[in-house]
Amino acid sequence: MGASLVQLSDETFDEFVGAATTPVVVDFWAEWCGPCKMLDSVLEELAGEYGDTVAFAGVDSDVNLRTTSRFDVMSVPTLLVFRDGTLVKRLVGARPKGALREALGEHLDTPATL
């Protein structure tokens, strides 16, 4: 996971997502997952485009089993979108940047700068 994506753990997940004043996109990933690595660069770009209007975070699904299980993440990458601490969208699998921006758009306050 890249530097601008906050890494969450079983211990920090609820506090980060619950305290967020913006929508939060959480990427459940694994070190061995090729599509996860491809998605990482896309999420880095989107994080830069959305700036402070969206929080992007990651959860290593192999290490944080409690959170991974709690949200029924069965395959990686899986993206979960939270608004006001509530899960509003689930996306499974890697997608190109445009498709991901479109899929997330309805749940995010401000469209990304093109």
Protein backbone atom coordinates (compact mmCIF):
# COMPACT_ATOMS: atom_id res chain seq x y z
CA MET A 1 0.00 0.00 0.00
CA GLY A 2 1.19 3.48 -0.80
CA ALA A 3 2.18 6.26 1.54
CA SER A 4 -0.94 8.42 1.21
CA LEU A 5 -3.28 5.57 2.14
CA VAL A 6 -3.70 5.17 5.88
CA GLN A 7 -3.10 1.59 6.98
CA LEU A 8 -5.73 0.35 9.41
CA SER A 9 -5.68 -2.63 11.74
CA ASP A 10 -8.27 -4.52 13.76
CA GLU A 11 -7.45 -2.12 16.59
CA THR A 12 -7.69 1.16 14.62
CA PHE A 13 -10.42 0.45 12.08
CA ASP A 14 -13.52 1.48 14.05
CA GLU A 15 -11.97 4.64 15.44
CA PHE A 16 -10.72 5.84 12.03
CA VAL A 17 -13.90 5.05 10.10
CA GLY A 18 -16.21 6.24 12.88
CA ALA A 19 -14.39 9.55 13.38
CA ALA A 20 -14.11 10.38 9.68
CA THR A 21 -15.88 13.56 8.59
CA THR A 22 -15.63 12.53 4.94
CA PRO A 23 -16.50 9.33 3.10
CA VAL A 24 -13.90 6.60 3.64
CA VAL A 25 -12.80 4.13 0.96
CA VAL A 26 -11.18 1.08 2.56
CA ASP A 27 -9.14 -1.29 0.41
CA PHE A 28 -8.89 -4.85 1.76
CA TRP A 29 -5.72 -6.24 0.19
CA ALA A 30 -3.03 -8.90 0.61
CA GLU A 31 0.70 -8.85 -0.12
CA TRP A 32 0.48 -11.89 -2.43
CA CYS A 33 -2.37 -10.41 -4.52
CA GLY A 34 -1.32 -9.16 -7.96
CA PRO A 35 -4.56 -7.26 -8.69
CA CYS A 36 -4.22 -5.59 -5.27
CA LYS A 37 -0.85 -4.17 -6.29
CA MET A 38 -2.31 -2.82 -9.53
CA LEU A 39 -5.22 -1.26 -7.65
CA ASP A 40 -2.83 0.34 -5.16
CA SER A 41 -1.48 2.79 -7.75
CA VAL A 42 -5.01 3.63 -8.91
CA LEU A 43 -6.08 4.36 -5.33
CA GLU A 44 -2.98 6.53 -4.82
CA GLU A 45 -3.96 8.59 -7.87
CA LEU A 46 -7.58 8.90 -6.73
CA ALA A 47 -6.47 9.90 -3.23
CA GLY A 48 -4.46 12.71 -4.79
CA GLU A 49 -7.37 13.81 -6.95
CA TYR A 50 -10.00 13.76 -4.22
CA GLY A 51 -7.68 15.39 -1.67
CA ASP A 52 -9.34 16.07 1.68
CA THR A 53 -12.87 15.27 0.47
CA VAL A 54 -12.39 11.49 0.76
CA ALA A 55 -10.23 9.38 3.09
CA PHE A 56 -8.52 6.37 1.53
CA ALA A 57 -7.34 3.55 3.77
CA GLY A 58 -6.15 -0.02 3.53
CA VAL A 59 -6.49 -3.19 5.58
CA ASP A 60 -4.08 -6.10 5.13
CA SER A 61 -6.63 -8.91 5.06
CA ASP A 62 -4.07 -11.57 5.98
CA VAL A 63 -3.08 -9.79 9.20
CA ASN A 64 -6.37 -8.22 10.30
CA LEU A 65 -8.62 -11.25 10.27
CA ARG A 66 -11.21 -9.90 12.71
CA THR A 67 -12.08 -6.88 10.53
CA THR A 68 -11.85 -8.89 7.32
CA SER A 69 -14.27 -11.48 8.71
CA ARG A 70 -16.61 -8.88 10.22
CA PHE A 71 -17.22 -7.34 6.80
CA ASP A 72 -17.42 -10.73 5.04
CA VAL A 73 -14.47 -9.99 2.78
CA MET A 74 -14.03 -13.25 0.88
CA SER A 75 -11.66 -12.14 -1.87
CA VAL A 76 -9.17 -9.37 -2.45
CA PRO A 77 -9.09 -6.70 -3.51
CA THR A 78 -12.38 -5.59 -1.98
CA LEU A 79 -13.23 -1.92 -1.54
CA LEU A 80 -15.74 -0.83 1.08
CA VAL A 81 -17.12 2.70 1.12
CA PHE A 82 -18.32 4.17 4.42
CA ARG A 83 -20.30 7.36 5.03
CA ASP A 84 -20.84 8.47 8.61
CA GLY A 85 -19.45 5.12 9.77
CA THR A 86 -22.01 3.14 7.75
CA LEU A 87 -21.11 0.78 4.91
CA VAL A 88 -22.76 2.10 1.73
CA LYS A 89 -20.92 0.33 -1.12
CA ARG A 90 -18.90 -2.84 -1.75
CA LEU A 91 -16.75 -3.37 -4.83
CA VAL A 92 -14.95 -6.67 -5.39
CA GLY A 93 -12.03 -6.93 -7.78
CA ALA A 94 -9.61 -4.52 -9.40
CA ARG A 95 -10.95 -1.95 -11.85
CA PRO A 96 -9.41 0.67 -14.11
CA LYS A 97 -9.30 4.18 -12.71
CA GLY A 98 -12.22 5.53 -14.75
CA ALA A 99 -14.48 2.62 -13.88
CA LEU A 100 -13.54 2.89 -10.22
CA ARG A 101 -14.15 6.65 -10.16
CA GLU A 102 -17.58 6.07 -11.74
CA ALA A 103 -18.48 3.27 -9.32
CA LEU A 104 -17.48 5.35 -6.30
CA GLY A 105 -18.89 8.64 -7.58
CA GLU A 106 -22.43 8.26 -6.32
CA HIS A 107 -21.14 7.88 -2.73
CA LEU A 108 -18.53 10.63 -2.68
CA ASP A 109 -19.26 14.31 -2.09
CA THR A 110 -17.09 15.85 -4.78
CA PRO A 111 -16.15 14.42 -8.16
CA ALA A 112 -12.46 13.90 -8.73
CA THR A 113 -10.60 16.46 -10.78
CA LEU A 114 -10.08 15.15 -14.29
